[in-house]
Amino acid sequence: MNLQRIAAFSRGDLGGNPAGVALLSAPLSDQDMARIAADVGYSETVFAYPLSEDRKQWRLRYFSPESEVPFCGHATIALGAVLGETYGLHTYALNINQATIEVTAVKAEQGIAAVLTSPNTQSRGLSDKELNETLSLFNLHASDLDAHLPPAKIHGGADHIVLPLKQRETLAAMRYDLNAGREMMDRHGLVTIMLVYTEDAQTFHSRNAFASGGVLEDPATGAASAAFAGYLRDRQWPHGGSITLYQGEDMGAPSVINVSLTDEPGAPVLVSGSTRKL
């Protein structure tokens, strides 16, 4: 097993979300992957083994320290960088549990960056019960929400709830109880809850609670960013073909996520970011 530690969506030599990347020659048991992910200790570790002799098609599984995750954007970006360094700057087909996606390794000013093609996206509004429960978890009120973007359940390979906020200060003050968050996210099948502040039509600041994986907060969340871009498209938001999300600023791990998208409802989006070795 070739196990590497890579920060994805980094800003130069700073920040990014650490991921474990395990290149395998054959599948491991669920128990072994869960144990290794717990030992690595990052929010996710991706396990990949080749499905083709040219190493351009791979089977992927993602594990947090506490559970398997259906799709993880930052670990896929980290994997793209490792594949690019190991096997060349190509596009790689990736079979995840419920979809086939792609990641392309590209040369960057510092090392290798990557661009992933997400699964299809979808979104829906929250029920009153879902909304009240989510607001209560973060000790928020309806008056804290951005009137231009309603709260929603969003999907881009995994399920998330997004709460768009009216003020940047409310985002910076994000607090919640980890155990209560884990219970709620597990009950609703959520990977993260995303709090987001709109700077302008193409620029957003976000924080992602990841209690479902035993982690209070994720520094950079590619899967939620993909789902959020699809949600904006569903709302006919003036995205201009791309958005940028800044995440991790309030936890000292500055990260930047770029998403490109078309106007086709539900279509995959392109999530890109830089990486750095740890």
Protein backbone atom coordinates (compact mmCIF):
# COMPACT_ATOMS: atom_id res chain seq x y z
CA MET A 1 0.00 0.00 0.00
CA ASN A 2 1.24 3.45 -0.94
CA LEU A 3 -0.19 5.80 1.72
CA GLN A 4 0.30 9.55 1.30
CA ARG A 5 -0.97 12.62 3.12
CA ILE A 6 -2.10 15.51 0.92
CA ALA A 7 -3.87 18.81 1.67
CA ALA A 8 -6.41 19.65 -1.04
CA PHE A 9 -7.76 23.10 -1.95
CA SER A 10 -4.72 24.74 -0.37
CA ARG A 11 -3.73 28.38 -0.84
CA GLY A 12 -0.10 28.12 -1.82
CA ASP A 13 1.84 26.69 1.13
CA LEU A 14 -1.06 27.25 3.52
CA GLY A 15 -4.30 25.61 4.48
CA GLY A 16 -6.25 23.07 2.54
CA ASN A 17 -8.05 20.02 3.87
CA PRO A 18 -5.77 17.08 4.74
CA ALA A 19 -6.68 13.70 3.25
CA GLY A 20 -5.12 10.29 3.34
CA VAL A 21 -4.58 8.74 -0.10
CA ALA A 22 -4.02 4.97 -0.18
CA LEU A 23 -3.09 3.43 -3.53
CA LEU A 24 -3.73 -0.32 -3.36
CA SER A 25 -2.98 -3.25 -5.62
CA ALA A 26 -6.14 -5.08 -4.47
CA PRO A 27 -9.21 -4.31 -2.35
CA LEU A 28 -9.00 -4.20 1.44
CA SER A 29 -11.74 -5.27 3.84
CA ASP A 30 -14.08 -2.65 5.25
CA GLN A 31 -12.59 -3.29 8.68
CA ASP A 32 -9.03 -2.65 7.46
CA MET A 33 -10.03 0.55 5.65
CA ALA A 34 -11.90 1.81 8.71
CA ARG A 35 -8.89 1.05 10.92
CA ILE A 36 -6.41 2.77 8.59
CA ALA A 37 -8.67 5.84 8.25
CA ALA A 38 -8.90 6.07 12.04
CA ASP A 39 -5.11 5.75 12.34
CA VAL A 40 -4.55 8.47 9.72
CA GLY A 41 -7.00 10.64 11.63
CA TYR A 42 -8.00 13.04 8.86
CA SER A 43 -11.62 13.80 8.01
CA GLU A 44 -11.34 11.33 5.10
CA THR A 45 -8.97 8.79 3.60
CA VAL A 46 -9.57 7.55 0.06
CA PHE A 47 -8.69 3.96 -0.87
CA ALA A 48 -8.12 3.28 -4.58
CA TYR A 49 -7.18 0.20 -6.55
CA PRO A 50 -6.77 -0.05 -10.35
CA LEU A 51 -9.39 -1.56 -12.63
CA SER A 52 -7.28 -1.33 -15.79
CA GLU A 53 -3.70 -2.23 -16.66
CA ASP A 54 -2.94 1.32 -17.82
CA ARG A 55 -3.95 2.63 -14.36
CA LYS A 56 -6.49 5.05 -15.85
CA GLN A 57 -9.54 3.51 -14.20
CA TRP A 58 -9.84 3.07 -10.43
CA ARG A 59 -12.29 1.80 -7.82
CA LEU A 60 -12.64 4.19 -4.86
CA ARG A 61 -13.93 3.97 -1.28
CA TYR A 62 -13.88 6.86 1.20
CA PHE A 63 -13.68 6.45 4.98
CA SER A 64 -13.79 9.00 7.78
CA PRO A 65 -12.47 8.06 11.24
CA GLU A 66 -15.99 6.87 12.14
CA SER A 67 -17.83 5.85 8.96
CA GLU A 68 -17.78 5.26 5.22
CA VAL A 69 -18.59 8.36 3.14
CA PRO A 70 -20.28 8.00 -0.29
CA PHE A 71 -18.27 10.77 -1.96
CA CYS A 72 -15.52 13.13 -0.80
CA GLY A 73 -14.35 16.02 -2.98
CA HIS A 74 -11.13 17.00 -1.22
CA ALA A 75 -9.91 13.40 -1.01
CA THR A 76 -10.61 13.02 -4.75
CA ILE A 77 -8.58 16.15 -5.50
CA ALA A 78 -5.78 14.76 -3.32
CA LEU A 79 -5.99 11.43 -5.16
CA GLY A 80 -5.79 13.26 -8.51
CA ALA A 81 -2.53 14.87 -7.44
CA VAL A 82 -1.07 11.52 -6.33
CA LEU A 83 -2.16 9.78 -9.54
CA GLY A 84 -0.73 12.63 -11.60
CA GLU A 85 2.61 12.45 -9.85
CA THR A 86 2.71 8.63 -10.00
CA TYR A 87 1.21 7.85 -13.41
CA GLY A 88 1.17 11.13 -15.34
CA LEU A 89 -1.02 14.14 -16.09
CA HIS A 90 -4.10 12.35 -17.41
CA THR A 91 -7.83 12.09 -16.84
CA TYR A 92 -8.67 9.14 -14.62
CA ALA A 93 -12.06 7.37 -14.46
CA LEU A 94 -13.15 6.73 -10.87
CA ASN A 95 -15.84 4.26 -9.83
CA ILE A 96 -17.35 5.35 -6.52
CA ASN A 97 -20.17 3.52 -4.73
CA GLN A 98 -23.06 5.02 -6.69
CA ALA A 99 -21.55 6.77 -9.71
CA THR A 100 -18.62 7.04 -12.09
CA ILE A 101 -16.73 10.32 -11.96
CA GLU A 102 -13.43 11.66 -13.30
CA VAL A 103 -10.41 13.48 -11.98
CA THR A 104 -7.82 15.22 -14.16
CA ALA A 105 -4.31 15.91 -12.89
CA VAL A 106 -2.85 19.20 -14.14
CA LYS A 107 0.43 20.98 -13.62
CA ALA A 108 0.27 23.93 -11.23
CA GLU A 109 2.73 26.63 -10.20
CA GLN A 110 3.45 24.59 -7.10
CA GLY A 111 3.22 20.85 -7.74
CA ILE A 112 0.07 19.29 -9.15
CA ALA A 113 -3.54 20.49 -9.01
CA ALA A 114 -6.62 18.51 -9.93
CA VAL A 115 -10.07 18.94 -11.45
CA LEU A 116 -12.85 16.53 -10.57
CA THR A 117 -16.08 15.97 -12.46
CA SER A 118 -18.80 15.56 -9.84
CA PRO A 119 -21.78 13.23 -9.83
CA ASN A 120 -25.10 14.73 -10.92
CA THR A 121 -26.54 17.41 -8.65
CA GLN A 122 -29.99 18.00 -7.19
CA SER A 123 -31.62 20.10 -4.49
CA ARG A 124 -34.92 20.66 -2.69
CA GLY A 125 -36.28 22.98 -0.05
CA LEU A 126 -36.29 22.02 3.62
CA SER A 127 -39.39 21.06 5.51
CA ASP A 128 -40.28 23.23 8.50
CA LYS A 129 -39.14 20.41 10.80
CA GLU A 130 -35.77 20.07 9.02
CA LEU A 131 -35.22 23.81 9.08
CA ASN A 132 -36.14 24.28 12.74
CA GLU A 133 -33.96 21.36 13.79
CA THR A 134 -30.98 22.70 11.84
CA LEU A 135 -31.38 26.24 13.15
CA SER A 136 -31.66 24.92 16.70
CA LEU A 137 -28.45 22.88 16.36
CA PHE A 138 -26.48 26.05 15.61
CA ASN A 139 -28.51 28.31 17.92
CA LEU A 140 -29.62 30.34 14.90
CA HIS A 141 -32.90 32.06 14.08
CA ALA A 142 -34.82 32.67 10.87
CA SER A 143 -33.69 36.31 11.07
CA ASP A 144 -30.07 35.13 10.60
CA LEU A 145 -30.81 33.71 7.14
CA ASP A 146 -30.20 35.34 3.76
CA ALA A 147 -33.55 36.21 2.21
CA HIS A 148 -32.12 35.76 -1.32
CA LEU A 149 -31.22 32.07 -0.92
CA PRO A 150 -33.53 29.72 1.00
CA PRO A 151 -32.16 26.84 3.09
CA ALA A 152 -32.09 23.57 1.18
CA LYS A 153 -31.06 19.95 1.10
CA ILE A 154 -28.43 19.65 -1.63
CA HIS A 155 -26.76 16.71 -3.34
CA GLY A 156 -23.71 16.24 -5.53
CA GLY A 157 -22.68 12.68 -4.71
CA ALA A 158 -23.65 13.01 -1.03
CA ASP A 159 -26.40 14.76 0.93
CA HIS A 160 -25.88 18.06 2.73
CA ILE A 161 -28.02 20.83 4.19
CA VAL A 162 -27.08 24.41 3.32
CA LEU A 163 -27.99 27.44 5.43
CA PRO A 164 -27.24 30.72 3.61
CA LEU A 165 -26.54 33.45 6.19
CA LYS A 166 -27.20 37.17 6.10
CA GLN A 167 -23.96 38.28 7.83
CA ARG A 168 -20.33 37.19 7.66
CA GLU A 169 -20.06 37.61 11.44
CA THR A 170 -22.71 34.93 11.98
CA LEU A 171 -20.67 32.52 9.88
CA ALA A 172 -17.51 33.30 11.89
CA ALA A 173 -19.38 32.57 15.12
CA MET A 174 -20.51 29.06 14.10
CA ARG A 175 -20.85 26.79 17.15
CA TYR A 176 -22.67 23.51 17.79
CA ASP A 177 -22.54 20.39 19.95
CA LEU A 178 -20.66 17.58 18.19
CA ASN A 179 -22.74 14.75 19.64
CA ALA A 180 -26.03 16.47 18.84
CA GLY A 181 -24.76 17.20 15.34
CA ARG A 182 -23.72 13.58 14.80
CA GLU A 183 -27.12 12.28 15.90
CA MET A 184 -28.96 14.70 13.62
CA MET A 185 -26.75 14.13 10.57
CA ASP A 186 -26.93 10.36 10.95
CA ARG A 187 -30.70 10.48 11.29
CA HIS A 188 -31.09 12.57 8.13
CA GLY A 189 -28.36 10.82 6.11
CA LEU A 190 -26.26 13.99 5.88
CA VAL A 191 -22.51 14.15 5.35
CA THR A 192 -22.17 17.83 6.32
CA ILE A 193 -24.21 20.91 7.14
CA MET A 194 -22.93 23.88 5.16
CA LEU A 195 -23.21 27.44 6.42
CA VAL A 196 -22.47 29.99 3.70
CA TYR A 197 -22.21 33.77 3.31
CA THR A 198 -22.53 35.46 -0.09
CA GLU A 199 -19.87 38.10 -0.79
CA ASP A 200 -21.05 38.61 -4.37
CA ALA A 201 -22.77 36.56 -7.08
CA GLN A 202 -19.67 34.43 -7.74
CA THR A 203 -17.87 34.57 -4.35
CA PHE A 204 -18.88 32.75 -1.18
CA HIS A 205 -17.47 32.02 2.28
CA SER A 206 -18.44 28.73 3.88
CA ARG A 207 -18.04 26.53 6.93
CA ASN A 208 -19.00 22.85 6.99
CA ALA A 209 -19.95 20.97 10.13
CA PHE A 210 -18.90 17.32 9.71
CA ALA A 211 -20.13 15.66 12.89
CA SER A 212 -21.24 12.61 10.88
CA GLY A 213 -17.56 11.79 10.41
CA GLY A 214 -16.61 12.60 13.99
CA VAL A 215 -15.04 15.92 12.96
CA LEU A 216 -16.34 19.26 14.24
CA GLU A 217 -15.51 21.15 11.04
CA ASP A 218 -14.08 20.43 7.59
CA PRO A 219 -11.50 22.97 6.29
CA ALA A 220 -12.51 22.49 2.63
CA THR A 221 -15.45 20.45 1.34
CA GLY A 222 -15.47 19.74 -2.38
CA ALA A 223 -18.58 17.53 -2.33
CA ALA A 224 -20.67 20.18 -0.57
CA SER A 225 -19.29 22.86 -2.90
CA ALA A 226 -20.34 20.80 -5.93
CA ALA A 227 -23.81 20.32 -4.45
CA PHE A 228 -24.03 24.03 -3.61
CA ALA A 229 -23.16 25.01 -7.19
CA GLY A 230 -25.93 22.73 -8.44
CA TYR A 231 -28.32 24.33 -5.96
CA LEU A 232 -27.43 27.81 -7.23
CA ARG A 233 -28.12 26.62 -10.76
CA ASP A 234 -31.50 25.22 -9.66
CA ARG A 235 -32.28 28.65 -8.22
CA GLN A 236 -31.27 30.27 -11.55
CA TRP A 237 -28.60 32.21 -9.68
CA PRO A 238 -26.40 34.46 -11.90
CA HIS A 239 -23.30 32.28 -11.45
CA GLY A 240 -21.62 33.37 -14.70
CA GLY A 241 -20.27 29.87 -15.29
CA SER A 242 -18.12 29.62 -12.18
CA ILE A 243 -18.07 30.31 -8.46
CA THR A 244 -15.32 30.49 -5.84
CA LEU A 245 -15.74 29.36 -2.25
CA TYR A 246 -13.38 30.38 0.54
CA GLN A 247 -13.43 27.96 3.43
CA GLY A 248 -11.31 27.26 6.50
CA GLU A 249 -10.54 30.92 7.17
CA ASP A 250 -12.22 30.92 10.57
CA MET A 251 -10.36 27.80 11.71
CA GLY A 252 -6.88 28.87 10.55
CA ALA A 253 -6.75 26.62 7.47
CA PRO A 254 -7.39 28.97 4.51
CA SER A 255 -8.72 27.04 1.53
CA VAL A 256 -10.10 27.94 -1.89
CA ILE A 257 -12.46 25.86 -4.03
CA ASN A 258 -13.28 26.72 -7.64
CA VAL A 259 -16.39 25.30 -9.31
CA SER A 260 -17.29 25.60 -13.00
CA LEU A 261 -20.82 24.79 -14.14
CA THR A 262 -23.17 24.97 -17.08
CA ASP A 263 -26.86 25.92 -17.02
CA GLU A 264 -27.98 22.33 -17.64
CA PRO A 265 -30.13 21.29 -14.64
CA GLY A 266 -28.63 18.43 -12.66
CA ALA A 267 -25.50 18.15 -14.79
CA PRO A 268 -22.13 17.40 -13.16
CA VAL A 269 -19.94 20.35 -12.21
CA LEU A 270 -16.16 20.74 -12.29
CA VAL A 271 -14.46 21.25 -8.92
CA SER A 272 -10.81 22.28 -8.95
CA GLY A 273 -8.11 23.08 -6.44
CA SER A 274 -4.43 23.11 -5.62
CA THR A 275 -2.70 20.57 -3.38
CA ARG A 276 0.34 20.35 -1.15
CA LYS A 277 2.13 17.43 0.46
CA LEU A 278 2.06 17.03 4.23
